[in-house]
Amino acid sequence: MNMATIRKRNIGNTEFYYLQHSMKINGKVVKKEKYLGKKVPKNIDEIKKHFMNEIYKEKWHKKLDEIRTNFRKYMQKLPEEIREKYIEQFMIKFTYNTNRIEGGSLTFKDTSKLLHDNIAPSDRPVKDIKEAENHRNLFYTMLKYKKDISLGTVLEWHHNLFKETKPGIAGKIRNYQVGISGTDVELPSPVELNAMLKEFFSWYNSNRKKLHPVELAALVHYRFVSIHPFGDGNGRISRILMNFILHKHGFPMLDISYKNRDRYYTALERSQKSKNENIFVQHIMKRYIKDYKKYIARQK
């Protein structure tokens, strides 16, 4: 979703300013407007953000809440063994995709045999096998975690993910500069990280009960990965955090598939370059609704 645009209208000799945004709802283009006054207010960025949040609520939130309601009904009908199988199948798919996006070599078949049958592929790096196993363990730790996230939680989860394969960086905030291959997005310098992480958790604690859970999950992913506090594994931890929030609030979890990685990275990069987090949030919401459309009643 692009940001709202400021429009000017002349009525007689007087100029009036409006915020305007066009979007599709049920196949029809709908134009939304908000009157600003005879001058553009100084806090226009805050007004734009609030305006876009109201549009999100109208366009997305009803569908998202319907997904949660119908998903819960579906899961409650399942015998416990089938529920466990559903979660295991999601875990295998999620582990395969999250590691593959980051350059892991295991195929989906490799990952399934390893995590379901305990049969390790003989022709894959030990590092990739260990990281798949550790991601499975972290996934189940995350599902059972009853408290809320903190810096201590995130450091522990990162340590558990990489303690066997990258012990030098496991659970440690980086003290060196990093970059992302294939993009010129500038990441924070090491001296900025402690303040940024403190600000991140302060923002999270202030907003965790105010924002819609799917929006909160997308923003946590975006903001954490943009801080990039670790030498490696920032994407994987961000996706774990996203699913922690979804699961905590009773929503089905989201798997970013390897085949859709280009769109995912493009949305992330566009958000980072324009400093407009709504681009990434909208990408996640659209992806989420598409993946779980079976839980939404068909429009007549």
Protein backbone atom coordinates (compact mmCIF):
# COMPACT_ATOMS: atom_id res chain seq x y z
CA MET A 1 0.00 0.00 0.00
CA ASN A 2 1.52 3.32 -1.04
CA MET A 3 1.47 6.17 1.41
CA ALA A 4 -1.31 8.76 1.25
CA THR A 5 -0.77 11.70 -1.10
CA ILE A 6 -1.30 15.37 -0.24
CA ARG A 7 -3.65 17.06 -2.71
CA LYS A 8 -4.35 20.79 -3.09
CA ARG A 9 -7.62 22.30 -4.27
CA ASN A 10 -8.36 25.93 -5.05
CA ILE A 11 -11.81 27.21 -4.21
CA GLY A 12 -11.95 30.83 -5.26
CA ASN A 13 -8.71 32.40 -4.05
CA THR A 14 -8.29 29.98 -1.15
CA GLU A 15 -6.15 26.82 -1.13
CA PHE A 16 -7.36 23.73 0.74
CA TYR A 17 -5.30 20.61 1.46
CA TYR A 18 -6.42 16.99 1.64
CA LEU A 19 -4.90 13.57 2.18
CA GLN A 20 -5.95 11.13 -0.52
CA HIS A 21 -5.50 7.40 -1.03
CA SER A 22 -7.01 5.02 -3.60
CA MET A 23 -7.41 1.28 -3.01
CA LYS A 24 -9.34 -1.73 -4.22
CA ILE A 25 -12.10 -3.18 -2.04
CA ASN A 26 -13.93 -6.22 -3.46
CA GLY A 27 -12.65 -5.41 -6.94
CA LYS A 28 -13.74 -1.74 -6.93
CA VAL A 29 -11.42 1.27 -6.69
CA VAL A 30 -12.38 3.31 -3.63
CA LYS A 31 -10.95 6.76 -2.95
CA LYS A 32 -10.45 7.85 0.67
CA GLU A 33 -9.90 11.48 1.67
CA LYS A 34 -9.11 13.42 4.82
CA TYR A 35 -9.39 17.21 5.04
CA LEU A 36 -6.21 18.86 6.38
CA GLY A 37 -7.06 22.57 6.29
CA LYS A 38 -5.73 25.65 4.57
CA LYS A 39 -2.15 24.68 5.46
CA VAL A 40 -0.36 21.33 5.65
CA PRO A 41 -0.03 20.56 9.39
CA LYS A 42 3.47 20.25 10.87
CA ASN A 43 2.71 16.76 12.18
CA ILE A 44 1.69 15.55 8.69
CA ASP A 45 3.70 12.31 9.00
CA GLU A 46 1.77 11.35 12.12
CA ILE A 47 -1.54 12.26 10.44
CA LYS A 48 -0.61 10.16 7.37
CA LYS A 49 0.24 7.21 9.61
CA HIS A 50 -3.08 7.45 11.46
CA PHE A 51 -4.97 7.86 8.16
CA MET A 52 -3.32 4.73 6.71
CA ASN A 53 -4.00 2.78 9.91
CA GLU A 54 -7.69 3.60 9.59
CA ILE A 55 -7.61 2.33 5.99
CA TYR A 56 -5.86 -0.86 7.14
CA LYS A 57 -8.60 -1.45 9.67
CA GLU A 58 -11.30 -1.11 7.04
CA LYS A 59 -9.58 -3.16 4.37
CA TRP A 60 -7.75 -5.87 6.31
CA HIS A 61 -8.69 -6.24 9.96
CA LYS A 62 -12.16 -7.74 9.48
CA LYS A 63 -10.72 -10.45 7.21
CA LEU A 64 -7.84 -11.12 9.59
CA ASP A 65 -10.17 -11.52 12.55
CA GLU A 66 -12.37 -13.87 10.50
CA ILE A 67 -9.30 -15.98 9.74
CA ARG A 68 -8.52 -16.26 13.47
CA THR A 69 -12.11 -17.17 14.40
CA ASN A 70 -12.49 -19.87 11.74
CA PHE A 71 -8.96 -21.21 12.25
CA ARG A 72 -9.65 -21.66 15.97
CA LYS A 73 -12.93 -23.46 15.21
CA TYR A 74 -11.11 -25.75 12.76
CA MET A 75 -8.29 -26.56 15.21
CA GLN A 76 -10.71 -27.23 18.09
CA LYS A 77 -12.51 -29.89 16.01
CA LEU A 78 -9.28 -31.81 15.37
CA PRO A 79 -8.19 -34.72 17.59
CA GLU A 80 -5.03 -33.87 19.56
CA GLU A 81 -2.84 -36.18 17.44
CA ILE A 82 -3.98 -34.47 14.23
CA ARG A 83 -3.36 -31.03 15.76
CA GLU A 84 0.18 -32.11 16.64
CA LYS A 85 0.66 -33.40 13.09
CA TYR A 86 -0.57 -30.06 11.67
CA ILE A 87 1.95 -28.18 13.82
CA GLU A 88 4.76 -30.58 12.88
CA GLN A 89 3.99 -30.17 9.17
CA PHE A 90 4.04 -26.38 9.54
CA MET A 91 7.32 -26.57 11.50
CA ILE A 92 8.99 -28.65 8.74
CA LYS A 93 7.79 -26.30 6.00
CA PHE A 94 8.74 -23.19 8.01
CA THR A 95 12.20 -24.58 8.88
CA TYR A 96 12.88 -25.51 5.26
CA ASN A 97 11.84 -22.11 3.89
CA THR A 98 13.42 -19.90 6.56
CA ASN A 99 16.79 -21.66 6.18
CA ARG A 100 16.58 -21.90 2.39
CA ILE A 101 15.94 -18.15 2.11
CA GLU A 102 19.22 -17.64 3.99
CA GLY A 103 21.21 -19.93 1.70
CA GLY A 104 20.68 -23.31 3.37
CA SER A 105 21.22 -26.29 1.07
CA LEU A 106 18.62 -28.75 2.41
CA THR A 107 15.72 -29.52 0.08
CA PHE A 108 12.19 -29.84 1.44
CA LYS A 109 12.55 -33.64 1.20
CA ASP A 110 15.86 -33.50 3.10
CA THR A 111 14.27 -31.34 5.81
CA SER A 112 11.22 -33.57 6.13
CA LYS A 113 13.27 -36.78 6.43
CA LEU A 114 15.60 -35.14 8.94
CA LEU A 115 12.96 -33.61 11.20
CA HIS A 116 10.23 -36.26 10.92
CA ASP A 117 12.23 -39.48 10.48
CA ASN A 118 15.59 -38.44 12.00
CA ILE A 119 17.36 -39.44 8.79
CA ALA A 120 20.14 -36.96 7.99
CA PRO A 121 21.11 -36.49 4.31
CA SER A 122 24.63 -37.75 3.67
CA ASP A 123 25.47 -35.24 0.94
CA ARG A 124 24.66 -31.98 2.78
CA PRO A 125 26.87 -29.81 5.03
CA VAL A 126 26.71 -30.72 8.73
CA LYS A 127 26.16 -27.00 9.46
CA ASP A 128 22.89 -26.97 7.49
CA ILE A 129 21.69 -30.16 9.19
CA LYS A 130 22.44 -28.77 12.67
CA GLU A 131 20.75 -25.44 11.91
CA ALA A 132 17.61 -27.25 10.72
CA GLU A 133 17.52 -29.36 13.89
CA ASN A 134 18.16 -26.34 16.10
CA HIS A 135 15.46 -24.36 14.31
CA ARG A 136 12.98 -27.16 14.98
CA ASN A 137 13.92 -27.10 18.68
CA LEU A 138 13.64 -23.30 18.79
CA PHE A 139 10.25 -23.42 17.06
CA TYR A 140 8.82 -25.69 19.77
CA THR A 141 10.47 -23.58 22.50
CA MET A 142 8.78 -20.51 20.99
CA LEU A 143 5.35 -22.24 20.93
CA LYS A 144 5.59 -23.08 24.63
CA TYR A 145 6.98 -19.72 25.72
CA LYS A 146 4.39 -18.11 28.01
CA LYS A 147 6.10 -14.81 28.87
CA ASP A 148 6.49 -11.90 26.47
CA ILE A 149 9.60 -11.24 24.41
CA SER A 150 12.54 -9.28 25.80
CA LEU A 151 16.14 -8.74 24.75
CA GLY A 152 17.14 -11.65 27.01
CA THR A 153 14.64 -13.92 25.23
CA VAL A 154 15.93 -12.97 21.79
CA LEU A 155 19.60 -13.43 22.77
CA GLU A 156 18.81 -16.87 24.20
CA TRP A 157 16.85 -17.91 21.09
CA HIS A 158 19.66 -16.75 18.81
CA HIS A 159 22.20 -18.62 20.95
CA ASN A 160 20.16 -21.83 20.77
CA LEU A 161 19.89 -21.54 16.99
CA PHE A 162 23.62 -21.06 16.32
CA LYS A 163 25.48 -22.44 19.36
CA GLU A 164 26.71 -25.50 17.42
CA THR A 165 27.35 -23.96 14.01
CA LYS A 166 28.46 -20.37 14.73
CA PRO A 167 29.47 -20.26 18.40
CA GLY A 168 31.45 -17.03 17.87
CA ILE A 169 28.28 -15.04 17.12
CA ALA A 170 25.59 -17.10 18.91
CA GLY A 171 23.56 -14.90 21.23
CA LYS A 172 25.92 -11.93 20.84
CA ILE A 173 25.15 -8.41 19.62
CA ARG A 174 27.57 -7.59 16.80
CA ASN A 175 30.41 -5.09 17.38
CA TYR A 176 31.27 -4.77 13.69
CA GLN A 177 29.58 -3.36 10.59
CA VAL A 178 27.58 -5.66 8.31
CA GLY A 179 25.80 -5.33 4.97
CA ILE A 180 23.22 -7.31 3.03
CA SER A 181 24.41 -8.77 -0.27
CA GLY A 182 22.47 -7.59 -3.29
CA THR A 183 21.26 -4.33 -1.75
CA ASP A 184 22.72 -0.96 -0.87
CA VAL A 185 20.51 -0.53 2.23
CA GLU A 186 22.71 0.85 5.01
CA LEU A 187 22.41 -1.05 8.28
CA PRO A 188 22.95 0.52 11.72
CA SER A 189 26.51 0.83 13.00
CA PRO A 190 27.53 -1.20 16.10
CA VAL A 191 27.51 1.88 18.38
CA GLU A 192 23.81 2.45 17.59
CA LEU A 193 22.60 -1.05 18.40
CA ASN A 194 22.10 -0.94 22.18
CA ALA A 195 20.01 2.24 22.00
CA MET A 196 18.02 0.92 19.01
CA LEU A 197 17.25 -2.38 20.75
CA LYS A 198 16.19 -0.56 23.92
CA GLU A 199 13.92 1.65 21.80
CA PHE A 200 12.56 -1.41 19.93
CA PHE A 201 11.45 -3.20 23.12
CA SER A 202 10.08 0.04 24.58
CA TRP A 203 8.02 0.53 21.39
CA TYR A 204 6.88 -3.12 21.52
CA ASN A 205 5.76 -2.91 25.15
CA SER A 206 3.85 0.33 24.44
CA ASN A 207 2.11 -1.01 21.31
CA ARG A 208 1.58 -4.74 21.89
CA LYS A 209 -1.97 -4.18 23.14
CA LYS A 210 -2.84 -1.28 20.82
CA LEU A 211 -2.02 -2.67 17.37
CA HIS A 212 -3.81 -5.46 15.53
CA PRO A 213 -1.78 -8.66 16.19
CA VAL A 214 -1.02 -9.32 12.48
CA GLU A 215 0.11 -5.72 12.03
CA LEU A 216 2.17 -5.97 15.24
CA ALA A 217 3.78 -9.22 14.01
CA ALA A 218 4.72 -7.63 10.67
CA LEU A 219 6.15 -4.52 12.36
CA VAL A 220 8.16 -6.57 14.87
CA HIS A 221 9.65 -8.52 11.96
CA TYR A 222 10.40 -5.35 9.98
CA ARG A 223 11.81 -3.28 12.83
CA PHE A 224 13.96 -6.07 14.26
CA VAL A 225 15.48 -7.14 10.95
CA SER A 226 16.15 -3.48 10.10
CA ILE A 227 18.18 -3.10 13.32
CA HIS A 228 20.12 -6.24 12.27
CA PRO A 229 21.72 -6.75 15.68
CA PHE A 230 23.43 -10.08 14.91
CA GLY A 231 26.27 -11.09 12.63
CA ASP A 232 23.96 -13.68 11.04
CA GLY A 233 20.45 -15.05 11.59
CA ASN A 234 18.58 -11.75 11.76
CA GLY A 235 15.98 -12.88 9.20
CA ARG A 236 15.41 -16.21 10.92
CA ILE A 237 14.99 -14.63 14.35
CA SER A 238 12.68 -11.95 12.89
CA ARG A 239 10.44 -14.62 11.34
CA ILE A 240 10.40 -16.57 14.64
CA LEU A 241 9.38 -13.37 16.48
CA MET A 242 6.64 -12.73 13.92
CA ASN A 243 5.22 -16.22 14.46
CA PHE A 244 5.55 -15.95 18.24
CA ILE A 245 3.19 -12.94 18.16
CA LEU A 246 0.73 -14.59 15.74
CA HIS A 247 0.62 -17.78 17.82
CA LYS A 248 0.36 -15.87 21.12
CA HIS A 249 -2.77 -14.09 19.85
CA GLY A 250 -4.41 -17.22 18.41
CA PHE A 251 -3.72 -16.52 14.72
CA PRO A 252 -2.32 -19.16 12.35
CA MET A 253 1.41 -18.70 11.82
CA LEU A 254 2.90 -17.44 8.57
CA ASP A 255 5.50 -19.20 6.44
CA ILE A 256 7.41 -17.01 3.97
CA SER A 257 8.12 -19.45 1.15
CA TYR A 258 11.46 -19.63 -0.64
CA LYS A 259 9.73 -19.27 -4.02
CA ASN A 260 8.20 -15.94 -2.88
CA ARG A 261 11.48 -14.60 -1.46
CA ASP A 262 12.00 -11.99 -4.21
CA ARG A 263 8.71 -10.21 -3.47
CA TYR A 264 9.41 -10.47 0.25
CA TYR A 265 12.91 -8.96 -0.11
CA THR A 266 11.64 -6.27 -2.50
CA ALA A 267 8.96 -5.16 0.00
CA LEU A 268 11.54 -5.14 2.79
CA GLU A 269 14.07 -3.14 0.77
CA ARG A 270 11.45 -0.64 -0.47
CA SER A 271 10.31 -0.06 3.11
CA GLN A 272 13.87 0.41 4.36
CA LYS A 273 14.90 2.78 1.57
CA SER A 274 11.78 4.94 1.81
CA LYS A 275 11.55 4.59 5.61
CA ASN A 276 7.91 3.65 5.05
CA GLU A 277 7.17 0.52 7.07
CA ASN A 278 3.61 0.39 5.65
CA ILE A 279 4.97 -1.12 2.41
CA PHE A 280 6.29 -4.17 4.26
CA VAL A 281 3.25 -4.41 6.56
CA GLN A 282 0.93 -4.42 3.57
CA HIS A 283 3.01 -7.12 1.86
CA ILE A 284 2.73 -9.35 4.93
CA MET A 285 -1.02 -8.73 5.30
CA LYS A 286 -1.69 -9.52 1.64
CA ARG A 287 0.46 -12.65 1.87
CA TYR A 288 -1.33 -13.68 5.06
CA ILE A 289 -4.83 -13.23 3.64
CA LYS A 290 -3.86 -15.09 0.46
CA ASP A 291 -2.38 -18.02 2.41
CA TYR A 292 -5.43 -18.31 4.69
CA LYS A 293 -8.27 -17.33 2.35
CA LYS A 294 -9.94 -20.70 3.02
CA TYR A 295 -10.90 -19.33 6.45
CA ILE A 296 -12.67 -16.29 4.95
CA ALA A 297 -16.32 -16.52 3.88
CA ARG A 298 -16.76 -15.89 0.16
CA GLN A 299 -18.14 -12.49 -0.75
CA LYS A 300 -21.55 -12.68 -2.44
